[in-house]
Amino acid sequence: MLGPTGAGKSELAHGVARIRGGEIVSADAFAVYRGLDVGTDKPSPERRRQVPYHLIDVADPDETYSAGRWQHEARAVIEEITARGRLPIVCGGSGFYIQALLEGLPPGEARDPVLRAALTRWGSRNPAGARRLLRVNDPAAAGHIAPGNLRYVLRALEVLLVTGRRPSARLPGRDTWASQYRVTKVGVSPTREDLYARIARRVREMLESGWEEEVRRLLAEGYSSGANAFGAIGYREMADAVLSGHADALEVERKIVTATRQLARRQATWFRRERDVVWMEPEGALARTLALLDTDSETGRHG
């Protein structure tokens, strides 16, 4: 289930999971981080008791968590869910993550500038260790890189860490992993006016639920506002206000609402390129989705 932030897809996914014995695989690039609860609108403890959720709270806020790592872990989780005879429901607004899951990662996208800088610093001090690390994890790739070519070694390690796959296995051609499943793509798309009202209401609810206190706690625990997790909408704006000592609540709220609207527009643009999506408005979406799943089950249609 996909769609822009605030569209109502999480509510839909939860409803389908409860009725159909499903488990939800989060495709949210920031819900993976521990401690970022309010601003990422994670499911409440009560909801987690009702439905199993996966790939939430699996990384520390200063940890690098890439699309490749998510793809690797999401595929493993989906295989486990289906092996138990239950319905995996992938839900989120990170379009690149969903694309990586269903189609694989193109070689040119296996990049992470932060990770690359760290590897470069480490590799320049320990080139032999870098080659050893690659040889242990991908002997085939290491064997094809000329001795002394540290740049290629570090690039291979970057691919390995970003994608979770050996660079030597990244052959050209379409990734066929998803072909073993019947895929139904449901997109939730409110009118623009409705979406903007939903966003404003949700931001206000998050602020009233202790978002500022959550950011203060993360900063007090030693996490920098420059950490990867603070790339989530609202966290950097909130951190800047807290650190400056001039936290104007109304101004912070305005900035977060504006940034969230901009994100929603970017997500909508991305999802317009998705093929075979059945788009629907939030109202009545649960009944329509259940009927769609019944139809797809009978016809064997692949999305």
C-alpha atoms as a PDB file:
ATOM      1  CA  MET A   1       0.000   0.000   0.000  1.00  0.00           C
ATOM      2  CA  LEU A   2       1.474   3.268  -1.093  1.00  0.00           C
ATOM      3  CA  GLY A   3       0.712   6.947  -1.308  1.00  0.00           C
ATOM      4  CA  PRO A   4       1.871  10.313   0.004  1.00  0.00           C
ATOM      5  CA  THR A   5       2.445  10.954   3.674  1.00  0.00           C
ATOM      6  CA  GLY A   6      -0.758  11.560   5.608  1.00  0.00           C
ATOM      7  CA  ALA A   7      -2.982   9.975   2.942  1.00  0.00           C
ATOM      8  CA  GLY A   8      -4.390   7.277   5.235  1.00  0.00           C
ATOM      9  CA  LYS A   9      -2.536   4.211   3.966  1.00  0.00           C
ATOM     10  CA  SER A  10      -1.404   3.104   7.424  1.00  0.00           C
ATOM     11  CA  GLU A  11      -4.994   3.011   8.671  1.00  0.00           C
ATOM     12  CA  LEU A  12      -5.995   1.012   5.595  1.00  0.00           C
ATOM     13  CA  ALA A  13      -3.138  -1.459   5.973  1.00  0.00           C
ATOM     14  CA  HIS A  14      -3.962  -2.020   9.628  1.00  0.00           C
ATOM     15  CA  GLY A  15      -7.611  -2.655   8.842  1.00  0.00           C
ATOM     16  CA  VAL A  16      -6.801  -5.154   6.093  1.00  0.00           C
ATOM     17  CA  ALA A  17      -4.267  -6.914   8.328  1.00  0.00           C
ATOM     18  CA  ARG A  18      -6.790  -7.365  11.142  1.00  0.00           C
ATOM     19  CA  ILE A  19      -9.455  -8.769   8.841  1.00  0.00           C
ATOM     20  CA  ARG A  20      -7.233 -10.959   6.655  1.00  0.00           C
ATOM     21  CA  GLY A  21      -4.666 -12.199   9.158  1.00  0.00           C
ATOM     22  CA  GLY A  22      -1.946 -10.018   7.715  1.00  0.00           C
ATOM     23  CA  GLU A  23       1.377  -8.687   8.950  1.00  0.00           C
ATOM     24  CA  ILE A  24       2.606  -5.239   8.030  1.00  0.00           C
ATOM     25  CA  VAL A  25       6.077  -4.604   6.604  1.00  0.00           C
ATOM     26  CA  SER A  26       6.858  -0.918   7.025  1.00  0.00           C
ATOM     27  CA  ALA A  27       8.322   0.793   3.959  1.00  0.00           C
ATOM     28  CA  ASP A  28       9.108   3.998   5.819  1.00  0.00           C
ATOM     29  CA  ALA A  29      12.723   5.128   5.556  1.00  0.00           C
ATOM     30  CA  PHE A  30      12.673   6.672   9.052  1.00  0.00           C
ATOM     31  CA  ALA A  31      10.406   4.388  11.072  1.00  0.00           C
ATOM     32  CA  VAL A  32      13.399   2.021  11.107  1.00  0.00           C
ATOM     33  CA  TYR A  33      15.082   4.262  13.700  1.00  0.00           C
ATOM     34  CA  ARG A  34      14.642   3.623  17.411  1.00  0.00           C
ATOM     35  CA  GLY A  35      13.475   6.580  19.448  1.00  0.00           C
ATOM     36  CA  LEU A  36      11.808   8.384  16.551  1.00  0.00           C
ATOM     37  CA  ASP A  37       8.276   7.503  17.523  1.00  0.00           C
ATOM     38  CA  VAL A  38       6.082  10.589  17.559  1.00  0.00           C
ATOM     39  CA  GLY A  39       7.352  12.326  14.427  1.00  0.00           C
ATOM     40  CA  THR A  40       7.305   9.187  12.289  1.00  0.00           C
ATOM     41  CA  ASP A  41       3.795   8.302  13.476  1.00  0.00           C
ATOM     42  CA  LYS A  42       4.710   4.752  14.422  1.00  0.00           C
ATOM     43  CA  PRO A  43       1.875   2.399  15.343  1.00  0.00           C
ATOM     44  CA  SER A  44       0.921   2.551  18.995  1.00  0.00           C
ATOM     45  CA  PRO A  45       1.649  -0.353  21.373  1.00  0.00           C
ATOM     46  CA  GLU A  46      -2.053  -1.247  21.202  1.00  0.00           C
ATOM     47  CA  ARG A  47      -1.929  -1.509  17.409  1.00  0.00           C
ATOM     48  CA  ARG A  48       1.224  -3.625  17.581  1.00  0.00           C
ATOM     49  CA  ARG A  49      -0.614  -6.011  19.888  1.00  0.00           C
ATOM     50  CA  GLN A  50      -3.393  -6.308  17.317  1.00  0.00           C
ATOM     51  CA  VAL A  51      -1.162  -6.765  14.247  1.00  0.00           C
ATOM     52  CA  PRO A  52       2.496  -7.786  13.854  1.00  0.00           C
ATOM     53  CA  TYR A  53       4.647  -4.960  12.430  1.00  0.00           C
ATOM     54  CA  HIS A  54       8.075  -5.470  10.871  1.00  0.00           C
ATOM     55  CA  LEU A  55      11.092  -3.243  10.095  1.00  0.00           C
ATOM     56  CA  ILE A  56      10.233  -0.719  12.773  1.00  0.00           C
ATOM     57  CA  ASP A  57      12.879   0.141  15.405  1.00  0.00           C
ATOM     58  CA  VAL A  58      15.681  -1.844  13.754  1.00  0.00           C
ATOM     59  CA  ALA A  59      18.440   0.810  13.696  1.00  0.00           C
ATOM     60  CA  ASP A  60      19.950   3.440  15.979  1.00  0.00           C
ATOM     61  CA  PRO A  61      19.445   7.116  15.022  1.00  0.00           C
ATOM     62  CA  ASP A  62      23.095   7.611  14.013  1.00  0.00           C
ATOM     63  CA  GLU A  63      23.242   4.374  12.030  1.00  0.00           C
ATOM     64  CA  THR A  64      23.332   4.265   8.222  1.00  0.00           C
ATOM     65  CA  TYR A  65      20.247   2.454   6.986  1.00  0.00           C
ATOM     66  CA  SER A  66      20.111   2.134   3.215  1.00  0.00           C
ATOM     67  CA  ALA A  67      17.527   1.072   0.659  1.00  0.00           C
ATOM     68  CA  GLY A  68      19.675  -1.978  -0.010  1.00  0.00           C
ATOM     69  CA  ARG A  69      19.626  -3.049   3.606  1.00  0.00           C
ATOM     70  CA  TRP A  70      15.865  -2.501   3.782  1.00  0.00           C
ATOM     71  CA  GLN A  71      15.323  -4.508   0.599  1.00  0.00           C
ATOM     72  CA  HIS A  72      17.371  -7.416   1.930  1.00  0.00           C
ATOM     73  CA  GLU A  73      15.580  -7.463   5.288  1.00  0.00           C
ATOM     74  CA  ALA A  74      12.105  -6.840   3.822  1.00  0.00           C
ATOM     75  CA  ARG A  75      12.424  -9.741   1.409  1.00  0.00           C
ATOM     76  CA  ALA A  76      13.504 -12.051   4.204  1.00  0.00           C
ATOM     77  CA  VAL A  77      10.560 -10.924   6.376  1.00  0.00           C
ATOM     78  CA  ILE A  78       8.064 -11.370   3.530  1.00  0.00           C
ATOM     79  CA  GLU A  79       9.338 -14.897   2.907  1.00  0.00           C
ATOM     80  CA  GLU A  80       8.906 -15.700   6.602  1.00  0.00           C
ATOM     81  CA  ILE A  81       5.358 -14.277   6.681  1.00  0.00           C
ATOM     82  CA  THR A  82       4.230 -16.232   3.631  1.00  0.00           C
ATOM     83  CA  ALA A  83       5.854 -19.400   4.987  1.00  0.00           C
ATOM     84  CA  ARG A  84       3.524 -19.058   8.006  1.00  0.00           C
ATOM     85  CA  GLY A  85       0.536 -18.830   5.672  1.00  0.00           C
ATOM     86  CA  ARG A  86      -0.161 -15.198   6.480  1.00  0.00           C
ATOM     87  CA  LEU A  87      -0.588 -12.148   4.257  1.00  0.00           C
ATOM     88  CA  PRO A  88       2.372  -9.742   3.983  1.00  0.00           C
ATOM     89  CA  ILE A  89       1.255  -6.126   3.582  1.00  0.00           C
ATOM     90  CA  VAL A  90       3.988  -3.695   2.560  1.00  0.00           C
ATOM     91  CA  CYS A  91       2.959  -0.178   3.513  1.00  0.00           C
ATOM     92  CA  GLY A  92       4.818   3.089   3.222  1.00  0.00           C
ATOM     93  CA  GLY A  93       5.589   6.265   1.368  1.00  0.00           C
ATOM     94  CA  SER A  94       9.217   5.562   0.474  1.00  0.00           C
ATOM     95  CA  GLY A  95       8.773   4.895  -3.231  1.00  0.00           C
ATOM     96  CA  PHE A  96      12.401   3.989  -3.817  1.00  0.00           C
ATOM     97  CA  TYR A  97      12.184   1.310  -1.116  1.00  0.00           C
ATOM     98  CA  ILE A  98       9.101  -0.239  -2.735  1.00  0.00           C
ATOM     99  CA  GLN A  99      10.777  -0.147  -6.128  1.00  0.00           C
ATOM    100  CA  ALA A 100      13.873  -1.791  -4.670  1.00  0.00           C
ATOM    101  CA  LEU A 101      11.700  -4.522  -3.150  1.00  0.00           C
ATOM    102  CA  LEU A 102       9.806  -5.382  -6.331  1.00  0.00           C
ATOM    103  CA  GLU A 103      12.334  -4.616  -9.054  1.00  0.00           C
ATOM    104  CA  GLY A 104      15.731  -4.681  -7.393  1.00  0.00           C
ATOM    105  CA  LEU A 105      18.315  -1.933  -7.139  1.00  0.00           C
ATOM    106  CA  PRO A 106      19.981  -0.739 -10.344  1.00  0.00           C
ATOM    107  CA  PRO A 107      23.801  -0.765 -10.006  1.00  0.00           C
ATOM    108  CA  GLY A 108      24.046   2.991 -10.365  1.00  0.00           C
ATOM    109  CA  GLU A 109      21.778   3.546  -7.358  1.00  0.00           C
ATOM    110  CA  ALA A 110      23.878   1.526  -4.923  1.00  0.00           C
ATOM    111  CA  ARG A 111      25.428   4.617  -3.407  1.00  0.00           C
ATOM    112  CA  ASP A 112      25.614   6.169   0.015  1.00  0.00           C
ATOM    113  CA  PRO A 113      27.751   9.353   0.278  1.00  0.00           C
ATOM    114  CA  VAL A 114      27.999   9.216   4.075  1.00  0.00           C
ATOM    115  CA  LEU A 115      29.068   5.581   4.053  1.00  0.00           C
ATOM    116  CA  ARG A 116      31.491   6.246   1.187  1.00  0.00           C
ATOM    117  CA  ALA A 117      33.204   9.047   3.106  1.00  0.00           C
ATOM    118  CA  ALA A 118      33.582   6.801   6.168  1.00  0.00           C
ATOM    119  CA  LEU A 119      34.956   3.934   4.059  1.00  0.00           C
ATOM    120  CA  THR A 120      37.413   6.283   2.361  1.00  0.00           C
ATOM    121  CA  ARG A 121      38.740   7.548   5.691  1.00  0.00           C
ATOM    122  CA  TRP A 122      39.070   4.022   7.048  1.00  0.00           C
ATOM    123  CA  GLY A 123      40.443   2.487   3.840  1.00  0.00           C
ATOM    124  CA  SER A 124      43.127   5.136   3.375  1.00  0.00           C
ATOM    125  CA  ARG A 125      44.514   4.214   6.792  1.00  0.00           C
ATOM    126  CA  ASN A 126      44.070   0.477   6.358  1.00  0.00           C
ATOM    127  CA  PRO A 127      44.094  -0.548   2.656  1.00  0.00           C
ATOM    128  CA  ALA A 128      45.135  -4.125   3.437  1.00  0.00           C
ATOM    129  CA  GLY A 129      42.253  -4.469   5.879  1.00  0.00           C
ATOM    130  CA  ALA A 130      39.817  -3.150   3.270  1.00  0.00           C
ATOM    131  CA  ARG A 131      40.932  -5.749   0.744  1.00  0.00           C
ATOM    132  CA  ARG A 132      40.762  -8.462   3.412  1.00  0.00           C
ATOM    133  CA  LEU A 133      37.201  -7.454   4.284  1.00  0.00           C
ATOM    134  CA  LEU A 134      36.140  -7.652   0.644  1.00  0.00           C
ATOM    135  CA  ARG A 135      37.923 -10.979   0.137  1.00  0.00           C
ATOM    136  CA  VAL A 136      36.076 -12.509   3.101  1.00  0.00           C
ATOM    137  CA  ASN A 137      32.640 -11.262   1.964  1.00  0.00           C
ATOM    138  CA  ASP A 138      33.015 -11.508  -1.812  1.00  0.00           C
ATOM    139  CA  PRO A 139      36.055 -13.479  -2.993  1.00  0.00           C
ATOM    140  CA  ALA A 140      34.930 -13.257  -6.626  1.00  0.00           C
ATOM    141  CA  ALA A 141      34.814  -9.456  -6.598  1.00  0.00           C
ATOM    142  CA  ALA A 142      38.127  -9.218  -4.760  1.00  0.00           C
ATOM    143  CA  GLY A 143      39.736 -11.517  -7.325  1.00  0.00           C
ATOM    144  CA  HIS A 144      38.766  -9.219 -10.196  1.00  0.00           C
ATOM    145  CA  ILE A 145      40.239  -6.057  -8.663  1.00  0.00           C
ATOM    146  CA  ALA A 146      43.887  -5.364  -9.366  1.00  0.00           C
ATOM    147  CA  PRO A 147      46.208  -5.181  -6.353  1.00  0.00           C
ATOM    148  CA  GLY A 148      46.612  -1.623  -5.185  1.00  0.00           C
ATOM    149  CA  ASN A 149      43.318  -0.381  -6.663  1.00  0.00           C
ATOM    150  CA  LEU A 150      41.893   0.823  -3.362  1.00  0.00           C
ATOM    151  CA  ARG A 151      39.173   2.899  -5.038  1.00  0.00           C
ATOM    152  CA  TYR A 152      37.586  -0.186  -6.622  1.00  0.00           C
ATOM    153  CA  VAL A 153      37.881  -2.133  -3.374  1.00  0.00           C
ATOM    154  CA  LEU A 154      36.082   0.614  -1.437  1.00  0.00           C
ATOM    155  CA  ARG A 155      33.412   0.933  -4.134  1.00  0.00           C
ATOM    156  CA  ALA A 156      32.779  -2.830  -3.929  1.00  0.00           C
ATOM    157  CA  LEU A 157      32.476  -2.580  -0.140  1.00  0.00           C
ATOM    158  CA  GLU A 158      30.026   0.315  -0.525  1.00  0.00           C
ATOM    159  CA  VAL A 159      27.842  -1.757  -2.863  1.00  0.00           C
ATOM    160  CA  LEU A 160      28.003  -4.689  -0.450  1.00  0.00           C
ATOM    161  CA  LEU A 161      26.978  -2.608   2.551  1.00  0.00           C
ATOM    162  CA  VAL A 162      24.303  -0.565   0.749  1.00  0.00           C
ATOM    163  CA  THR A 163      22.578  -3.448  -1.016  1.00  0.00           C
ATOM    164  CA  GLY A 164      23.295  -6.353   1.321  1.00  0.00           C
ATOM    165  CA  ARG A 165      24.361  -8.357  -1.740  1.00  0.00           C
ATOM    166  CA  ARG A 166      27.752  -9.346  -3.124  1.00  0.00           C
ATOM    167  CA  PRO A 167      28.897  -6.980  -5.877  1.00  0.00           C
ATOM    168  CA  SER A 168      29.845 -10.001  -8.010  1.00  0.00           C
ATOM    169  CA  ALA A 169      26.177 -11.116  -7.923  1.00  0.00           C
ATOM    170  CA  ARG A 170      24.809  -7.825  -9.248  1.00  0.00           C
ATOM    171  CA  LEU A 171      24.331  -9.014 -12.796  1.00  0.00           C
ATOM    172  CA  PRO A 172      22.529  -6.898 -15.406  1.00  0.00           C
ATOM    173  CA  GLY A 173      18.886  -7.718 -16.038  1.00  0.00           C
ATOM    174  CA  ARG A 174      15.580  -7.587 -14.233  1.00  0.00           C
ATOM    175  CA  ASP A 175      15.369  -8.804 -10.674  1.00  0.00           C
ATOM    176  CA  THR A 176      12.898 -11.692 -10.615  1.00  0.00           C
ATOM    177  CA  TRP A 177      12.355 -12.030  -6.847  1.00  0.00           C
ATOM    178  CA  ALA A 178       8.813 -10.582  -6.921  1.00  0.00           C
ATOM    179  CA  SER A 179       7.663 -12.966  -9.670  1.00  0.00           C
ATOM    180  CA  GLN A 180       7.049 -15.697  -7.082  1.00  0.00           C
ATOM    181  CA  TYR A 181       4.252 -13.634  -5.518  1.00  0.00           C
ATOM    182  CA  ARG A 182       0.876 -12.297  -6.573  1.00  0.00           C
ATOM    183  CA  VAL A 183       1.309  -8.552  -6.062  1.00  0.00           C
ATOM    184  CA  THR A 184      -1.634  -6.198  -5.617  1.00  0.00           C
ATOM    185  CA  LYS A 185      -0.738  -2.506  -5.517  1.00  0.00           C
ATOM    186  CA  VAL A 186      -3.193  -0.255  -3.713  1.00  0.00           C
ATOM    187  CA  GLY A 187      -2.618   3.482  -3.678  1.00  0.00           C
ATOM    188  CA  VAL A 188      -4.373   5.886  -1.319  1.00  0.00           C
ATOM    189  CA  SER A 189      -4.878   9.328  -2.833  1.00  0.00           C
ATOM    190  CA  PRO A 190      -7.086  11.945  -1.161  1.00  0.00           C
ATOM    191  CA  THR A 191      -7.928  15.203  -2.904  1.00  0.00           C
ATOM    192  CA  ARG A 192      -5.274  17.867  -2.427  1.00  0.00           C
ATOM    193  CA  GLU A 193      -7.497  19.817  -0.044  1.00  0.00           C
ATOM    194  CA  ASP A 194      -8.195  16.715   2.032  1.00  0.00           C
ATOM    195  CA  LEU A 195      -4.524  15.705   2.057  1.00  0.00           C
ATOM    196  CA  TYR A 196      -3.368  19.132   3.217  1.00  0.00           C
ATOM    197  CA  ALA A 197      -6.004  19.153   5.951  1.00  0.00           C
ATOM    198  CA  ARG A 198      -4.884  15.678   7.044  1.00  0.00           C
ATOM    199  CA  ILE A 199      -1.252  16.800   7.137  1.00  0.00           C
ATOM    200  CA  ALA A 200      -2.018  19.883   9.229  1.00  0.00           C
ATOM    201  CA  ARG A 201      -4.145  17.856  11.644  1.00  0.00           C
ATOM    202  CA  ARG A 202      -1.508  15.135  11.988  1.00  0.00           C
ATOM    203  CA  VAL A 203       1.334  17.603  12.621  1.00  0.00           C
ATOM    204  CA  ARG A 204      -0.719  19.291  15.328  1.00  0.00           C
ATOM    205  CA  GLU A 205      -1.486  15.911  16.941  1.00  0.00           C
ATOM    206  CA  MET A 206       2.207  14.968  16.885  1.00  0.00           C
ATOM    207  CA  LEU A 207       3.188  18.231  18.521  1.00  0.00           C
ATOM    208  CA  GLU A 208       0.555  17.740  21.191  1.00  0.00           C
ATOM    209  CA  SER A 209       1.796  14.171  21.744  1.00  0.00           C
ATOM    210  CA  GLY A 210       5.270  15.279  22.827  1.00  0.00           C
ATOM    211  CA  TRP A 211       7.314  15.626  19.660  1.00  0.00           C
ATOM    212  CA  GLU A 212       9.468  18.409  21.116  1.00  0.00           C
ATOM    213  CA  GLU A 213      10.167  16.344  24.240  1.00  0.00           C
ATOM    214  CA  GLU A 214      11.167  13.389  22.054  1.00  0.00           C
ATOM    215  CA  VAL A 215      13.681  15.530  20.136  1.00  0.00           C
ATOM    216  CA  ARG A 216      15.084  16.948  23.373  1.00  0.00           C
ATOM    217  CA  ARG A 217      15.563  13.411  24.679  1.00  0.00           C
ATOM    218  CA  LEU A 218      17.380  12.295  21.527  1.00  0.00           C
ATOM    219  CA  LEU A 219      19.712  15.296  21.704  1.00  0.00           C
ATOM    220  CA  ALA A 220      20.313  14.683  25.424  1.00  0.00           C
ATOM    221  CA  GLU A 221      21.253  11.089  24.613  1.00  0.00           C
ATOM    222  CA  GLY A 222      24.070  12.430  22.453  1.00  0.00           C
ATOM    223  CA  TYR A 223      22.595  12.134  18.975  1.00  0.00           C
ATOM    224  CA  SER A 224      23.535  14.988  16.673  1.00  0.00           C
ATOM    225  CA  SER A 225      20.945  16.906  14.666  1.00  0.00           C
ATOM    226  CA  GLY A 226      23.113  15.915  11.697  1.00  0.00           C
ATOM    227  CA  ALA A 227      22.490  12.191  12.293  1.00  0.00           C
ATOM    228  CA  ASN A 228      20.858  10.228   9.492  1.00  0.00           C
ATOM    229  CA  ALA A 229      17.602   9.823  11.417  1.00  0.00           C
ATOM    230  CA  PHE A 230      17.175  13.596  11.719  1.00  0.00           C
ATOM    231  CA  GLY A 231      16.582  13.694   7.990  1.00  0.00           C
ATOM    232  CA  ALA A 232      12.991  12.734   8.800  1.00  0.00           C
ATOM    233  CA  ILE A 233      10.595  15.603   8.187  1.00  0.00           C
ATOM    234  CA  GLY A 234      10.275  17.822  11.241  1.00  0.00           C
ATOM    235  CA  TYR A 235      13.149  16.466  13.318  1.00  0.00           C
ATOM    236  CA  ARG A 236      15.817  18.834  12.048  1.00  0.00           C
ATOM    237  CA  GLU A 237      13.417  21.776  12.207  1.00  0.00           C
ATOM    238  CA  MET A 238      12.542  20.845  15.779  1.00  0.00           C
ATOM    239  CA  ALA A 239      16.179  20.247  16.742  1.00  0.00           C
ATOM    240  CA  ASP A 240      17.273  23.603  15.314  1.00  0.00           C
ATOM    241  CA  ALA A 241      14.596  25.360  17.346  1.00  0.00           C
ATOM    242  CA  VAL A 242      15.538  23.497  20.525  1.00  0.00           C
ATOM    243  CA  LEU A 243      19.281  24.068  20.102  1.00  0.00           C
ATOM    244  CA  SER A 244      18.857  27.763  19.310  1.00  0.00           C
ATOM    245  CA  GLY A 245      16.845  28.251  22.477  1.00  0.00           C
ATOM    246  CA  HIS A 246      14.169  30.112  20.537  1.00  0.00           C
ATOM    247  CA  ALA A 247      11.528  27.461  19.995  1.00  0.00           C
ATOM    248  CA  ASP A 248       8.520  29.353  18.615  1.00  0.00           C
ATOM    249  CA  ALA A 249       5.877  26.631  18.616  1.00  0.00           C
ATOM    250  CA  LEU A 250       3.712  28.197  15.902  1.00  0.00           C
ATOM    251  CA  GLU A 251       6.689  28.857  13.629  1.00  0.00           C
ATOM    252  CA  VAL A 252       8.014  25.326  14.066  1.00  0.00           C
ATOM    253  CA  GLU A 253       4.570  23.943  13.291  1.00  0.00           C
ATOM    254  CA  ARG A 254       4.330  26.086  10.157  1.00  0.00           C
ATOM    255  CA  LYS A 255       7.743  24.918   8.923  1.00  0.00           C
ATOM    256  CA  ILE A 256       6.905  21.257   9.517  1.00  0.00           C
ATOM    257  CA  VAL A 257       3.541  21.502   7.760  1.00  0.00           C
ATOM    258  CA  THR A 258       5.196  23.204   4.773  1.00  0.00           C
ATOM    259  CA  ALA A 259       7.976  20.611   4.594  1.00  0.00           C
ATOM    260  CA  THR A 260       5.449  17.774   4.875  1.00  0.00           C
ATOM    261  CA  ARG A 261       3.367  19.186   2.046  1.00  0.00           C
ATOM    262  CA  GLN A 262       6.478  19.408  -0.114  1.00  0.00           C
ATOM    263  CA  LEU A 263       7.326  15.800   0.698  1.00  0.00           C
ATOM    264  CA  ALA A 264       3.789  14.698  -0.166  1.00  0.00           C
ATOM    265  CA  ARG A 265       4.065  16.397  -3.573  1.00  0.00           C
ATOM    266  CA  ARG A 266       7.390  14.676  -4.280  1.00  0.00           C
ATOM    267  CA  GLN A 267       5.938  11.328  -3.260  1.00  0.00           C
ATOM    268  CA  ALA A 268       2.879  11.836  -5.462  1.00  0.00           C
ATOM    269  CA  THR A 269       5.148  12.618  -8.413  1.00  0.00           C
ATOM    270  CA  TRP A 270       7.165   9.451  -7.779  1.00  0.00           C
ATOM    271  CA  PHE A 271       4.114   7.218  -7.410  1.00  0.00           C
ATOM    272  CA  ARG A 272       2.570   8.483 -10.646  1.00  0.00           C
ATOM    273  CA  ARG A 273       5.282   6.453 -12.405  1.00  0.00           C
ATOM    274  CA  GLU A 274       4.248   3.240 -10.644  1.00  0.00           C
ATOM    275  CA  ARG A 275       2.546   0.697 -12.884  1.00  0.00           C
ATOM    276  CA  ASP A 276      -0.615  -1.280 -12.090  1.00  0.00           C
ATOM    277  CA  VAL A 277      -1.632   0.741  -9.028  1.00  0.00           C
ATOM    278  CA  VAL A 278      -5.316   0.758  -8.088  1.00  0.00           C
ATOM    279  CA  TRP A 279      -5.847   4.264  -6.724  1.00  0.00           C
ATOM    280  CA  MET A 280      -8.631   5.061  -4.303  1.00  0.00           C
ATOM    281  CA  GLU A 281      -9.673   7.771  -1.885  1.00  0.00           C
ATOM    282  CA  PRO A 282      -9.467   6.981   1.861  1.00  0.00           C
ATOM    283  CA  GLU A 283     -13.232   6.834   2.322  1.00  0.00           C
ATOM    284  CA  GLY A 284     -14.425   3.342   1.490  1.00  0.00           C
ATOM    285  CA  ALA A 285     -10.892   2.164   0.765  1.00  0.00           C
ATOM    286  CA  LEU A 286     -11.071  -0.777   3.191  1.00  0.00           C
ATOM    287  CA  ALA A 287     -14.095  -2.380   1.519  1.00  0.00           C
ATOM    288  CA  ARG A 288     -12.668  -1.762  -1.947  1.00  0.00           C
ATOM    289  CA  THR A 289      -9.300  -3.239  -1.015  1.00  0.00           C
ATOM    290  CA  LEU A 290     -10.833  -6.372   0.475  1.00  0.00           C
ATOM    291  CA  ALA A 291     -12.945  -6.842  -2.675  1.00  0.00           C
ATOM    292  CA  LEU A 292      -9.842  -6.293  -4.824  1.00  0.00           C
ATOM    293  CA  LEU A 293      -7.892  -8.911  -2.898  1.00  0.00           C
ATOM    294  CA  ASP A 294     -10.763 -11.368  -3.377  1.00  0.00           C
ATOM    295  CA  THR A 295     -10.834 -10.698  -7.125  1.00  0.00           C
ATOM    296  CA  ASP A 296      -7.068 -11.013  -7.492  1.00  0.00           C
ATOM    297  CA  SER A 297      -7.108 -14.262  -5.535  1.00  0.00           C
ATOM    298  CA  GLU A 298      -9.730 -15.714  -7.876  1.00  0.00           C
ATOM    299  CA  THR A 299      -8.155 -14.549 -11.138  1.00  0.00           C
ATOM    300  CA  GLY A 300      -4.502 -14.913 -10.173  1.00  0.00           C
ATOM    301  CA  ARG A 301      -3.844 -11.414 -11.506  1.00  0.00           C
ATOM    302  CA  HIS A 302      -0.363 -10.073 -10.816  1.00  0.00           C
ATOM    303  CA  GLY A 303       0.133  -6.405 -10.067  1.00  0.00           C
END
